[in-house]
Amino acid sequence: MLTDEFGRDVTGVRVSLTDRCNFDCVYCHNEGLGDTRGPMDPQDDEMSTDDVVRFLEVAAEFDVDSVKFTGGEPMLRQDLAEIIERTPDQMEVSMTTNGTFLPGRAEDLVDAGLERVNVSQDALDADDFAAVTKSGAYEKVLEGVDAALEAGLDPVKLNMVVFEHTAGYVPEMVDHVAENDGLQLQLIEYMPELTGKPEWNIDIQRVHDWLAEQAVEIEHREMHDRKRYWIETDDGDGRGMVEIVDPVENPTFCANCHRVRVTHEGYLKGCLNRNDDLKSMGEMTKPEIREAYRDVVANRVPYYGEYMVQNDAGEWEINDEYVGEYAEP
């Protein structure tokens, strides 16, 4: 297992299989790369099936024990089941998806080895959902969640980005997961530095405070400074878990990051927030992948606390020590 200079073991990888997506969510940052989505047809710059598997085999050599497949929309890859099936046995396989392609495919993906799934769902009203996602596929997403549960992907974690457009939907989403067995809710802090729309930001602490008032039980995950809130229905017959992922200006979160990312083009990425540390894996031979992987892990820096530091006024600013250290790919 490789450890960076801040003592963080790299135990997981997050692999983007494509930047294509059938949605156009207004908050999307495309795994930190910006809105680079293009045509829906497969693109020549995407890693091949063999490329993805070859990288995962190298990661397994370094005792990485989990992989999350992302996009864009990873289910636009017709070879997704094959990729999952060929993933090294030691790795837990999960996926983030908008859910529209899960009907008819979820069972095959589970048979191939998929163990967990996150489905993006930002509202429980079709019109509101369409306003955020620029998609009329609301009913198909609901079908996808049901298909995932029927295939044994229990619990299904619903991802909801909390910002100006969605904050008002939080209470009904919380009730929704409390009332429906097999569902959990992950509220994700909006990251204005990646989307370029700071005016959409809200104070995530307000959401914490509201959940704390509603919860019958609160868990604190010290590793990432996350909180889990257990909410019961009014009649006490239902119970759901709500977790907030709030990495913005959270040095504890960064200090416990154990994941390396891979772009759909085959670049390693040490941090979601940074694109000045992208490292090409060359022609994707195993020696090239090993060298690039070692370099990226060795050069990982906690975004908040090292790359971004607080000045005397308590404001976060870039640490000049790290600027220009990495050449653009």
C-alpha atoms as a PDB file:
ATOM      1  CA  MET A   1       0.000   0.000   0.000  1.00  0.00           C
ATOM      2  CA  LEU A   2       1.320   3.453  -0.890  1.00  0.00           C
ATOM      3  CA  THR A   3       1.266   6.290   1.641  1.00  0.00           C
ATOM      4  CA  ASP A   4       1.708   9.961   0.812  1.00  0.00           C
ATOM      5  CA  GLU A   5       3.947  12.302   2.773  1.00  0.00           C
ATOM      6  CA  PHE A   6       1.034  13.306   4.991  1.00  0.00           C
ATOM      7  CA  GLY A   7       0.592   9.741   6.204  1.00  0.00           C
ATOM      8  CA  ARG A   8      -2.522   8.989   4.172  1.00  0.00           C
ATOM      9  CA  ASP A   9      -2.753   5.432   2.812  1.00  0.00           C
ATOM     10  CA  VAL A  10      -4.367   5.249  -0.628  1.00  0.00           C
ATOM     11  CA  THR A  11      -7.003   2.545  -0.232  1.00  0.00           C
ATOM     12  CA  GLY A  12      -9.495   3.503  -2.928  1.00  0.00           C
ATOM     13  CA  VAL A  13      -9.714   4.796  -6.484  1.00  0.00           C
ATOM     14  CA  ARG A  14     -12.483   6.679  -8.256  1.00  0.00           C
ATOM     15  CA  VAL A  15     -12.495   6.019 -11.998  1.00  0.00           C
ATOM     16  CA  SER A  16     -14.402   8.204 -14.465  1.00  0.00           C
ATOM     17  CA  LEU A  17     -15.387   6.018 -17.415  1.00  0.00           C
ATOM     18  CA  THR A  18     -16.720   8.856 -19.598  1.00  0.00           C
ATOM     19  CA  ASP A  19     -17.509  12.565 -19.478  1.00  0.00           C
ATOM     20  CA  ARG A  20     -20.650  11.944 -21.543  1.00  0.00           C
ATOM     21  CA  CYS A  21     -23.982  12.337 -19.773  1.00  0.00           C
ATOM     22  CA  ASN A  22     -27.646  12.311 -20.747  1.00  0.00           C
ATOM     23  CA  PHE A  23     -28.328  14.946 -18.075  1.00  0.00           C
ATOM     24  CA  ASP A  24     -27.099  18.527 -17.921  1.00  0.00           C
ATOM     25  CA  CYS A  25     -27.228  19.252 -14.189  1.00  0.00           C
ATOM     26  CA  VAL A  26     -26.680  22.919 -13.434  1.00  0.00           C
ATOM     27  CA  TYR A  27     -24.259  22.151 -10.580  1.00  0.00           C
ATOM     28  CA  CYS A  28     -22.127  19.579 -12.441  1.00  0.00           C
ATOM     29  CA  HIS A  29     -18.361  19.969 -12.193  1.00  0.00           C
ATOM     30  CA  ASN A  30     -17.540  16.720 -14.037  1.00  0.00           C
ATOM     31  CA  GLU A  31     -15.231  15.259 -11.397  1.00  0.00           C
ATOM     32  CA  GLY A  32     -13.526  18.631 -10.990  1.00  0.00           C
ATOM     33  CA  LEU A  33     -12.653  18.977 -14.686  1.00  0.00           C
ATOM     34  CA  GLY A  34     -15.391  21.478 -15.493  1.00  0.00           C
ATOM     35  CA  ASP A  35     -18.245  21.100 -17.960  1.00  0.00           C
ATOM     36  CA  THR A  36     -16.345  19.306 -20.728  1.00  0.00           C
ATOM     37  CA  ARG A  37     -19.146  17.028 -21.802  1.00  0.00           C
ATOM     38  CA  GLY A  38     -19.482  16.518 -25.530  1.00  0.00           C
ATOM     39  CA  PRO A  39     -21.449  14.282 -27.906  1.00  0.00           C
ATOM     40  CA  MET A  40     -23.300  11.243 -26.606  1.00  0.00           C
ATOM     41  CA  ASP A  41     -21.493   8.845 -28.932  1.00  0.00           C
ATOM     42  CA  PRO A  42     -18.411   7.013 -27.583  1.00  0.00           C
ATOM     43  CA  GLN A  43     -15.275   9.122 -27.893  1.00  0.00           C
ATOM     44  CA  ASP A  44     -11.787   8.107 -28.958  1.00  0.00           C
ATOM     45  CA  ASP A  45     -10.234   9.754 -25.898  1.00  0.00           C
ATOM     46  CA  GLU A  46     -12.016   7.438 -23.438  1.00  0.00           C
ATOM     47  CA  MET A  47      -9.985   4.692 -21.833  1.00  0.00           C
ATOM     48  CA  SER A  48     -10.704   1.324 -23.401  1.00  0.00           C
ATOM     49  CA  THR A  49     -12.006  -1.643 -21.441  1.00  0.00           C
ATOM     50  CA  ASP A  50      -8.500  -3.088 -21.291  1.00  0.00           C
ATOM     51  CA  ASP A  51      -7.043   0.271 -20.191  1.00  0.00           C
ATOM     52  CA  VAL A  52      -9.432   0.505 -17.239  1.00  0.00           C
ATOM     53  CA  VAL A  53      -8.834  -3.094 -16.191  1.00  0.00           C
ATOM     54  CA  ARG A  54      -5.055  -2.739 -16.561  1.00  0.00           C
ATOM     55  CA  PHE A  55      -5.082   0.287 -14.257  1.00  0.00           C
ATOM     56  CA  LEU A  56      -7.200  -1.569 -11.680  1.00  0.00           C
ATOM     57  CA  GLU A  57      -4.829  -4.539 -11.768  1.00  0.00           C
ATOM     58  CA  VAL A  58      -1.923  -2.195 -10.998  1.00  0.00           C
ATOM     59  CA  ALA A  59      -3.905  -0.491  -8.216  1.00  0.00           C
ATOM     60  CA  ALA A  60      -4.580  -3.935  -6.744  1.00  0.00           C
ATOM     61  CA  GLU A  61      -0.818  -4.524  -6.614  1.00  0.00           C
ATOM     62  CA  PHE A  62      -0.702  -1.595  -4.174  1.00  0.00           C
ATOM     63  CA  ASP A  63      -3.487  -3.080  -1.995  1.00  0.00           C
ATOM     64  CA  VAL A  64      -6.242  -0.727  -3.151  1.00  0.00           C
ATOM     65  CA  ASP A  65      -9.431  -2.401  -1.936  1.00  0.00           C
ATOM     66  CA  SER A  66     -12.238  -0.323  -3.458  1.00  0.00           C
ATOM     67  CA  VAL A  67     -13.191   1.322  -6.733  1.00  0.00           C
ATOM     68  CA  LYS A  68     -16.078   3.664  -7.530  1.00  0.00           C
ATOM     69  CA  PHE A  69     -17.007   4.061 -11.181  1.00  0.00           C
ATOM     70  CA  THR A  70     -18.252   7.518 -12.143  1.00  0.00           C
ATOM     71  CA  GLY A  71     -18.713   9.742 -15.194  1.00  0.00           C
ATOM     72  CA  GLY A  72     -20.340  11.683 -16.680  1.00  0.00           C
ATOM     73  CA  GLU A  73     -22.812   8.849 -16.673  1.00  0.00           C
ATOM     74  CA  PRO A  74     -20.886   5.563 -16.389  1.00  0.00           C
ATOM     75  CA  MET A  75     -23.804   3.511 -17.681  1.00  0.00           C
ATOM     76  CA  LEU A  76     -23.353   5.078 -21.112  1.00  0.00           C
ATOM     77  CA  ARG A  77     -20.437   2.661 -21.365  1.00  0.00           C
ATOM     78  CA  GLN A  78     -21.783  -0.504 -22.963  1.00  0.00           C
ATOM     79  CA  ASP A  79     -18.777  -2.408 -21.601  1.00  0.00           C
ATOM     80  CA  LEU A  80     -19.585  -1.487 -17.981  1.00  0.00           C
ATOM     81  CA  ALA A  81     -20.568  -5.027 -16.961  1.00  0.00           C
ATOM     82  CA  GLU A  82     -17.372  -6.400 -18.487  1.00  0.00           C
ATOM     83  CA  ILE A  83     -15.254  -3.822 -16.664  1.00  0.00           C
ATOM     84  CA  ILE A  84     -16.937  -4.697 -13.360  1.00  0.00           C
ATOM     85  CA  GLU A  85     -16.572  -8.430 -13.994  1.00  0.00           C
ATOM     86  CA  ARG A  86     -12.860  -8.019 -14.719  1.00  0.00           C
ATOM     87  CA  THR A  87     -12.180  -5.809 -11.684  1.00  0.00           C
ATOM     88  CA  PRO A  88      -9.754  -7.557  -9.292  1.00  0.00           C
ATOM     89  CA  ASP A  89     -11.602  -9.673  -6.736  1.00  0.00           C
ATOM     90  CA  GLN A  90     -10.102  -7.826  -3.760  1.00  0.00           C
ATOM     91  CA  MET A  91     -11.869  -4.587  -4.704  1.00  0.00           C
ATOM     92  CA  GLU A  92     -15.322  -3.585  -3.525  1.00  0.00           C
ATOM     93  CA  VAL A  93     -17.103  -2.179  -6.591  1.00  0.00           C
ATOM     94  CA  SER A  94     -19.524   0.748  -6.372  1.00  0.00           C
ATOM     95  CA  MET A  95     -20.938   3.223  -8.867  1.00  0.00           C
ATOM     96  CA  THR A  96     -22.450   6.709  -9.014  1.00  0.00           C
ATOM     97  CA  THR A  97     -25.187   7.086 -11.638  1.00  0.00           C
ATOM     98  CA  ASN A  98     -28.234   9.155 -12.489  1.00  0.00           C
ATOM     99  CA  GLY A  99     -30.176   5.881 -12.503  1.00  0.00           C
ATOM    100  CA  THR A 100     -31.905   6.181 -15.862  1.00  0.00           C
ATOM    101  CA  PHE A 101     -30.216   3.085 -17.309  1.00  0.00           C
ATOM    102  CA  LEU A 102     -30.597   0.845 -14.262  1.00  0.00           C
ATOM    103  CA  PRO A 103     -33.958  -0.642 -15.370  1.00  0.00           C
ATOM    104  CA  GLY A 104     -33.095  -3.746 -17.330  1.00  0.00           C
ATOM    105  CA  ARG A 105     -29.392  -3.626 -16.451  1.00  0.00           C
ATOM    106  CA  ALA A 106     -29.133  -3.557 -12.663  1.00  0.00           C
ATOM    107  CA  GLU A 107     -29.360  -7.320 -12.246  1.00  0.00           C
ATOM    108  CA  ASP A 108     -26.615  -7.940 -14.809  1.00  0.00           C
ATOM    109  CA  LEU A 109     -24.343  -5.436 -13.090  1.00  0.00           C
ATOM    110  CA  VAL A 110     -24.890  -7.131  -9.731  1.00  0.00           C
ATOM    111  CA  ASP A 111     -24.138 -10.492 -11.319  1.00  0.00           C
ATOM    112  CA  ALA A 112     -20.919  -8.967 -12.680  1.00  0.00           C
ATOM    113  CA  GLY A 113     -19.883  -7.859  -9.183  1.00  0.00           C
ATOM    114  CA  LEU A 114     -21.425  -4.432  -8.470  1.00  0.00           C
ATOM    115  CA  GLU A 115     -21.964  -4.126  -4.712  1.00  0.00           C
ATOM    116  CA  ARG A 116     -23.188  -0.588  -4.035  1.00  0.00           C
ATOM    117  CA  VAL A 117     -24.771   2.245  -5.986  1.00  0.00           C
ATOM    118  CA  ASN A 118     -25.349   5.959  -5.472  1.00  0.00           C
ATOM    119  CA  VAL A 119     -28.175   7.497  -7.513  1.00  0.00           C
ATOM    120  CA  SER A 120     -28.330  11.254  -8.067  1.00  0.00           C
ATOM    121  CA  GLN A 121     -31.776  12.562  -7.162  1.00  0.00           C
ATOM    122  CA  ASP A 122     -32.212  16.216  -6.288  1.00  0.00           C
ATOM    123  CA  ALA A 123     -35.996  16.517  -5.937  1.00  0.00           C
ATOM    124  CA  LEU A 124     -39.229  14.544  -5.634  1.00  0.00           C
ATOM    125  CA  ASP A 125     -41.168  16.637  -8.119  1.00  0.00           C
ATOM    126  CA  ALA A 126     -40.782  16.106 -11.861  1.00  0.00           C
ATOM    127  CA  ASP A 127     -40.777  19.805 -12.749  1.00  0.00           C
ATOM    128  CA  ASP A 128     -38.298  20.739 -10.033  1.00  0.00           C
ATOM    129  CA  PHE A 129     -36.131  17.789 -11.003  1.00  0.00           C
ATOM    130  CA  ALA A 130     -36.167  18.894 -14.642  1.00  0.00           C
ATOM    131  CA  ALA A 131     -35.158  22.425 -13.679  1.00  0.00           C
ATOM    132  CA  VAL A 132     -32.026  21.162 -11.922  1.00  0.00           C
ATOM    133  CA  THR A 133     -31.035  18.334 -14.271  1.00  0.00           C
ATOM    134  CA  LYS A 134     -32.306  19.753 -17.595  1.00  0.00           C
ATOM    135  CA  SER A 135     -33.842  16.327 -18.106  1.00  0.00           C
ATOM    136  CA  GLY A 136     -37.345  14.946 -18.356  1.00  0.00           C
ATOM    137  CA  ALA A 137     -36.250  11.565 -17.023  1.00  0.00           C
ATOM    138  CA  TYR A 138     -37.640  11.866 -13.495  1.00  0.00           C
ATOM    139  CA  GLU A 139     -39.857   8.769 -13.714  1.00  0.00           C
ATOM    140  CA  LYS A 140     -37.000   6.759 -15.221  1.00  0.00           C
ATOM    141  CA  VAL A 141     -34.791   7.677 -12.240  1.00  0.00           C
ATOM    142  CA  LEU A 142     -37.456   6.398  -9.840  1.00  0.00           C
ATOM    143  CA  GLU A 143     -37.659   3.180 -11.866  1.00  0.00           C
ATOM    144  CA  GLY A 144     -33.876   2.930 -11.673  1.00  0.00           C
ATOM    145  CA  VAL A 145     -33.890   3.175  -7.888  1.00  0.00           C
ATOM    146  CA  ASP A 146     -36.529   0.421  -7.703  1.00  0.00           C
ATOM    147  CA  ALA A 147     -34.516  -1.731 -10.128  1.00  0.00           C
ATOM    148  CA  ALA A 148     -31.396  -1.334  -7.993  1.00  0.00           C
ATOM    149  CA  LEU A 149     -33.253  -2.395  -4.851  1.00  0.00           C
ATOM    150  CA  GLU A 150     -34.828  -5.370  -6.612  1.00  0.00           C
ATOM    151  CA  ALA A 151     -31.378  -6.447  -7.826  1.00  0.00           C
ATOM    152  CA  GLY A 152     -30.110  -6.512  -4.240  1.00  0.00           C
ATOM    153  CA  LEU A 153     -28.252  -3.189  -4.107  1.00  0.00           C
ATOM    154  CA  ASP A 154     -29.570  -2.430  -0.638  1.00  0.00           C
ATOM    155  CA  PRO A 155     -29.219   0.239   0.603  1.00  0.00           C
ATOM    156  CA  VAL A 156     -29.398   2.572  -2.369  1.00  0.00           C
ATOM    157  CA  LYS A 157     -27.850   5.893  -1.445  1.00  0.00           C
ATOM    158  CA  LEU A 158     -29.519   8.928  -2.999  1.00  0.00           C
ATOM    159  CA  ASN A 159     -27.117  11.782  -3.737  1.00  0.00           C
ATOM    160  CA  MET A 160     -28.464  15.319  -3.449  1.00  0.00           C
ATOM    161  CA  VAL A 161     -26.308  18.403  -3.977  1.00  0.00           C
ATOM    162  CA  VAL A 162     -27.505  21.128  -1.595  1.00  0.00           C
ATOM    163  CA  PHE A 163     -27.445  24.634  -3.035  1.00  0.00           C
ATOM    164  CA  GLU A 164     -29.835  27.491  -3.739  1.00  0.00           C
ATOM    165  CA  HIS A 165     -31.906  25.486  -6.252  1.00  0.00           C
ATOM    166  CA  THR A 166     -32.374  22.389  -4.055  1.00  0.00           C
ATOM    167  CA  ALA A 167     -32.176  23.430  -0.393  1.00  0.00           C
ATOM    168  CA  GLY A 168     -35.949  23.744  -0.135  1.00  0.00           C
ATOM    169  CA  TYR A 169     -36.388  20.101  -1.143  1.00  0.00           C
ATOM    170  CA  VAL A 170     -34.313  18.723   1.741  1.00  0.00           C
ATOM    171  CA  PRO A 171     -37.181  18.108   4.235  1.00  0.00           C
ATOM    172  CA  GLU A 172     -39.258  16.022   1.805  1.00  0.00           C
ATOM    173  CA  MET A 173     -36.185  14.063   0.707  1.00  0.00           C
ATOM    174  CA  VAL A 174     -35.422  13.298   4.355  1.00  0.00           C
ATOM    175  CA  ASP A 175     -39.013  12.108   4.867  1.00  0.00           C
ATOM    176  CA  HIS A 176     -38.730  10.047   1.680  1.00  0.00           C
ATOM    177  CA  VAL A 177     -35.772   7.980   2.890  1.00  0.00           C
ATOM    178  CA  ALA A 178     -37.300   7.585   6.361  1.00  0.00           C
ATOM    179  CA  GLU A 179     -40.495   6.209   4.827  1.00  0.00           C
ATOM    180  CA  ASN A 180     -38.847   3.844   2.345  1.00  0.00           C
ATOM    181  CA  ASP A 181     -36.778   0.879   3.461  1.00  0.00           C
ATOM    182  CA  GLY A 182     -33.543   0.421   1.573  1.00  0.00           C
ATOM    183  CA  LEU A 183     -32.926   4.123   0.895  1.00  0.00           C
ATOM    184  CA  GLN A 184     -30.358   6.436   2.445  1.00  0.00           C
ATOM    185  CA  LEU A 185     -29.702  10.100   1.694  1.00  0.00           C
ATOM    186  CA  GLN A 186     -26.335  11.719   1.127  1.00  0.00           C
ATOM    187  CA  LEU A 187     -26.499  15.516   1.154  1.00  0.00           C
ATOM    188  CA  ILE A 188     -23.475  16.893  -0.666  1.00  0.00           C
ATOM    189  CA  GLU A 189     -22.162  20.364   0.008  1.00  0.00           C
ATOM    190  CA  TYR A 190     -22.144  22.530  -3.103  1.00  0.00           C
ATOM    191  CA  MET A 191     -18.628  23.422  -4.266  1.00  0.00           C
ATOM    192  CA  PRO A 192     -18.728  26.914  -5.809  1.00  0.00           C
ATOM    193  CA  GLU A 193     -15.012  26.900  -6.598  1.00  0.00           C
ATOM    194  CA  LEU A 194     -15.622  24.081  -9.086  1.00  0.00           C
ATOM    195  CA  THR A 195     -18.823  25.364 -10.689  1.00  0.00           C
ATOM    196  CA  GLY A 196     -18.127  29.085 -10.957  1.00  0.00           C
ATOM    197  CA  LYS A 197     -21.462  30.094  -9.398  1.00  0.00           C
ATOM    198  CA  PRO A 198     -20.698  31.304  -5.847  1.00  0.00           C
ATOM    199  CA  GLU A 199     -24.066  33.052  -5.647  1.00  0.00           C
ATOM    200  CA  TRP A 200     -25.756  29.630  -5.487  1.00  0.00           C
ATOM    201  CA  ASN A 201     -23.996  28.678  -2.273  1.00  0.00           C
ATOM    202  CA  ILE A 202     -25.838  28.224   1.026  1.00  0.00           C
ATOM    203  CA  ASP A 203     -24.604  27.786   4.582  1.00  0.00           C
ATOM    204  CA  ILE A 204     -24.436  24.001   5.007  1.00  0.00           C
ATOM    205  CA  GLN A 205     -24.357  24.450   8.786  1.00  0.00           C
ATOM    206  CA  ARG A 206     -28.024  25.460   8.623  1.00  0.00           C
ATOM    207  CA  VAL A 207     -28.794  22.017   7.214  1.00  0.00           C
ATOM    208  CA  HIS A 208     -26.759  20.380   9.989  1.00  0.00           C
ATOM    209  CA  ASP A 209     -28.657  22.358  12.613  1.00  0.00           C
ATOM    210  CA  TRP A 210     -32.051  21.464  11.153  1.00  0.00           C
ATOM    211  CA  LEU A 211     -31.194  17.767  10.938  1.00  0.00           C
ATOM    212  CA  ALA A 212     -29.905  17.778  14.505  1.00  0.00           C
ATOM    213  CA  GLU A 213     -33.320  19.016  15.635  1.00  0.00           C
ATOM    214  CA  GLN A 214     -35.095  16.241  13.707  1.00  0.00           C
ATOM    215  CA  ALA A 215     -32.784  13.328  14.488  1.00  0.00           C
ATOM    216  CA  VAL A 216     -33.407  10.606  17.044  1.00  0.00           C
ATOM    217  CA  GLU A 217     -29.742   9.608  16.821  1.00  0.00           C
ATOM    218  CA  ILE A 218     -26.582  11.293  15.543  1.00  0.00           C
ATOM    219  CA  GLU A 219     -23.341   9.530  14.616  1.00  0.00           C
ATOM    220  CA  HIS A 220     -20.057  11.341  14.108  1.00  0.00           C
ATOM    221  CA  ARG A 221     -17.496   9.839  11.748  1.00  0.00           C
ATOM    222  CA  GLU A 222     -14.272  11.345  13.001  1.00  0.00           C
ATOM    223  CA  MET A 223     -12.191  10.223  10.018  1.00  0.00           C
ATOM    224  CA  HIS A 224     -13.877  12.639   7.605  1.00  0.00           C
ATOM    225  CA  ASP A 225     -15.574  14.825  10.199  1.00  0.00           C
ATOM    226  CA  ARG A 226     -18.941  13.684   8.846  1.00  0.00           C
ATOM    227  CA  LYS A 227     -22.227  13.380  10.687  1.00  0.00           C
ATOM    228  CA  ARG A 228     -24.977  10.843  10.141  1.00  0.00           C
ATOM    229  CA  TYR A 229     -28.490  11.717  11.254  1.00  0.00           C
ATOM    230  CA  TRP A 230     -31.088   9.026  11.887  1.00  0.00           C
ATOM    231  CA  ILE A 231     -34.600  10.317  11.253  1.00  0.00           C
ATOM    232  CA  GLU A 232     -37.848   8.562  12.183  1.00  0.00           C
ATOM    233  CA  THR A 233     -41.251   8.977  10.593  1.00  0.00           C
ATOM    234  CA  ASP A 234     -43.954  10.675  12.650  1.00  0.00           C
ATOM    235  CA  ASP A 235     -45.584   7.338  13.458  1.00  0.00           C
ATOM    236  CA  GLY A 236     -42.245   5.773  14.445  1.00  0.00           C
ATOM    237  CA  ASP A 237     -42.596   2.944  11.933  1.00  0.00           C
ATOM    238  CA  GLY A 238     -39.923   4.209   9.542  1.00  0.00           C
ATOM    239  CA  ARG A 239     -36.311   5.202  10.048  1.00  0.00           C
ATOM    240  CA  GLY A 240     -33.771   6.583   7.581  1.00  0.00           C
ATOM    241  CA  MET A 241     -30.160   7.670   7.558  1.00  0.00           C
ATOM    242  CA  VAL A 242     -29.047  11.065   6.270  1.00  0.00           C
ATOM    243  CA  GLU A 243     -25.372  11.915   5.905  1.00  0.00           C
ATOM    244  CA  ILE A 244     -23.819  15.263   5.004  1.00  0.00           C
ATOM    245  CA  VAL A 245     -20.642  15.366   2.942  1.00  0.00           C
ATOM    246  CA  ASP A 246     -19.157  18.801   3.574  1.00  0.00           C
ATOM    247  CA  PRO A 247     -15.570  19.058   2.307  1.00  0.00           C
ATOM    248  CA  VAL A 248     -15.467  22.802   1.633  1.00  0.00           C
ATOM    249  CA  GLU A 249     -12.981  24.522   3.978  1.00  0.00           C
ATOM    250  CA  ASN A 250     -12.797  21.287   5.965  1.00  0.00           C
ATOM    251  CA  PRO A 251      -9.138  20.412   6.691  1.00  0.00           C
ATOM    252  CA  THR A 252     -10.200  17.289   8.594  1.00  0.00           C
ATOM    253  CA  PHE A 253     -11.906  15.953   5.489  1.00  0.00           C
ATOM    254  CA  CYS A 254      -8.809  16.524   3.354  1.00  0.00           C
ATOM    255  CA  ALA A 255      -6.461  15.163   6.008  1.00  0.00           C
ATOM    256  CA  ASN A 256      -8.299  11.844   5.816  1.00  0.00           C
ATOM    257  CA  CYS A 257      -8.698  11.522   2.051  1.00  0.00           C
ATOM    258  CA  HIS A 258      -7.569   8.048   0.980  1.00  0.00           C
ATOM    259  CA  ARG A 259      -8.625   8.108  -2.673  1.00  0.00           C
ATOM    260  CA  VAL A 260      -6.936   8.774  -6.013  1.00  0.00           C
ATOM    261  CA  ARG A 261      -9.016   9.697  -9.060  1.00  0.00           C
ATOM    262  CA  VAL A 262      -8.669   8.724 -12.702  1.00  0.00           C
ATOM    263  CA  THR A 263     -10.110  10.829 -15.532  1.00  0.00           C
ATOM    264  CA  HIS A 264     -11.864   9.239 -18.493  1.00  0.00           C
ATOM    265  CA  GLU A 265      -8.841  10.118 -20.634  1.00  0.00           C
ATOM    266  CA  GLY A 266      -6.431   8.174 -18.449  1.00  0.00           C
ATOM    267  CA  TYR A 267      -4.934  10.871 -16.245  1.00  0.00           C
ATOM    268  CA  LEU A 268      -4.360  10.299 -12.558  1.00  0.00           C
ATOM    269  CA  LYS A 269      -5.658  13.044 -10.286  1.00  0.00           C
ATOM    270  CA  GLY A 270      -4.587  13.392  -6.676  1.00  0.00           C
ATOM    271  CA  CYS A 271      -7.377  15.752  -5.615  1.00  0.00           C
ATOM    272  CA  LEU A 272     -10.893  16.548  -6.832  1.00  0.00           C
ATOM    273  CA  ASN A 273     -10.316  20.301  -6.511  1.00  0.00           C
ATOM    274  CA  ARG A 274      -7.051  20.414  -8.448  1.00  0.00           C
ATOM    275  CA  ASN A 275      -6.215  20.058 -12.117  1.00  0.00           C
ATOM    276  CA  ASP A 276      -2.594  21.191 -11.874  1.00  0.00           C
ATOM    277  CA  ASP A 277      -1.515  17.743 -10.692  1.00  0.00           C
ATOM    278  CA  LEU A 278      -2.878  15.602 -13.544  1.00  0.00           C
ATOM    279  CA  LYS A 279      -0.494  12.800 -14.452  1.00  0.00           C
ATOM    280  CA  SER A 280      -0.751  10.881 -17.717  1.00  0.00           C
ATOM    281  CA  MET A 281      -0.414   7.103 -17.598  1.00  0.00           C
ATOM    282  CA  GLY A 282       1.127   7.245 -21.066  1.00  0.00           C
ATOM    283  CA  GLU A 283       0.263   4.358 -23.341  1.00  0.00           C
ATOM    284  CA  MET A 284      -1.257   2.573 -20.323  1.00  0.00           C
ATOM    285  CA  THR A 285       1.377  -0.131 -20.049  1.00  0.00           C
ATOM    286  CA  LYS A 286       1.687  -1.556 -16.554  1.00  0.00           C
ATOM    287  CA  PRO A 287       5.188  -0.075 -15.975  1.00  0.00           C
ATOM    288  CA  GLU A 288       3.904   3.367 -17.049  1.00  0.00           C
ATOM    289  CA  ILE A 289       0.856   3.067 -14.824  1.00  0.00           C
ATOM    290  CA  ARG A 290       2.979   2.023 -11.830  1.00  0.00           C
ATOM    291  CA  GLU A 291       5.346   4.980 -12.296  1.00  0.00           C
ATOM    292  CA  ALA A 292       2.520   7.509 -12.700  1.00  0.00           C
ATOM    293  CA  TYR A 293       0.604   6.063  -9.747  1.00  0.00           C
ATOM    294  CA  ARG A 294       3.640   6.258  -7.455  1.00  0.00           C
ATOM    295  CA  ASP A 295       4.306   9.863  -8.531  1.00  0.00           C
ATOM    296  CA  VAL A 296       0.736  11.006  -7.958  1.00  0.00           C
ATOM    297  CA  VAL A 297       0.540   9.422  -4.512  1.00  0.00           C
ATOM    298  CA  ALA A 298       3.916  10.874  -3.532  1.00  0.00           C
ATOM    299  CA  ASN A 299       2.769  14.369  -4.561  1.00  0.00           C
ATOM    300  CA  ARG A 300      -0.693  14.338  -2.970  1.00  0.00           C
ATOM    301  CA  VAL A 301      -1.403  17.396  -0.844  1.00  0.00           C
ATOM    302  CA  PRO A 302      -4.444  17.972   1.388  1.00  0.00           C
ATOM    303  CA  TYR A 303      -6.378  20.664  -0.470  1.00  0.00           C
ATOM    304  CA  TYR A 304      -7.476  22.514   2.655  1.00  0.00           C
ATOM    305  CA  GLY A 305      -4.626  22.908   5.111  1.00  0.00           C
ATOM    306  CA  GLU A 306      -1.732  22.597   2.631  1.00  0.00           C
ATOM    307  CA  TYR A 307      -2.676  23.623  -0.905  1.00  0.00           C
ATOM    308  CA  MET A 308      -5.173  26.129   0.459  1.00  0.00           C
ATOM    309  CA  VAL A 309      -4.099  27.845   3.679  1.00  0.00           C
ATOM    310  CA  GLN A 310      -5.673  30.456   5.901  1.00  0.00           C
ATOM    311  CA  ASN A 311      -4.155  33.927   6.030  1.00  0.00           C
ATOM    312  CA  ASP A 312      -4.021  36.173   9.101  1.00  0.00           C
ATOM    313  CA  ALA A 313      -7.604  37.288   8.422  1.00  0.00           C
ATOM    314  CA  GLY A 314      -8.807  33.686   8.467  1.00  0.00           C
ATOM    315  CA  GLU A 315      -9.480  33.655   4.717  1.00  0.00           C
ATOM    316  CA  TRP A 316      -8.462  30.706   2.531  1.00  0.00           C
ATOM    317  CA  GLU A 317      -5.879  31.416  -0.154  1.00  0.00           C
ATOM    318  CA  ILE A 318      -3.614  29.355  -2.398  1.00  0.00           C
ATOM    319  CA  ASN A 319      -0.295  28.357  -0.867  1.00  0.00           C
ATOM    320  CA  ASP A 320       2.282  29.646  -3.370  1.00  0.00           C
ATOM    321  CA  GLU A 321       4.593  26.764  -2.464  1.00  0.00           C
ATOM    322  CA  TYR A 322       2.472  24.413  -4.563  1.00  0.00           C
ATOM    323  CA  VAL A 323       1.567  26.689  -7.483  1.00  0.00           C
ATOM    324  CA  GLY A 324       3.348  25.770 -10.692  1.00  0.00           C
ATOM    325  CA  GLU A 325       4.827  22.590  -9.233  1.00  0.00           C
ATOM    326  CA  TYR A 326       3.027  20.413 -11.773  1.00  0.00           C
ATOM    327  CA  ALA A 327       3.019  20.869 -15.536  1.00  0.00           C
ATOM    328  CA  GLU A 328      -0.281  20.754 -17.386  1.00  0.00           C
ATOM    329  CA  PRO A 329      -0.793  17.480 -19.309  1.00  0.00           C
END
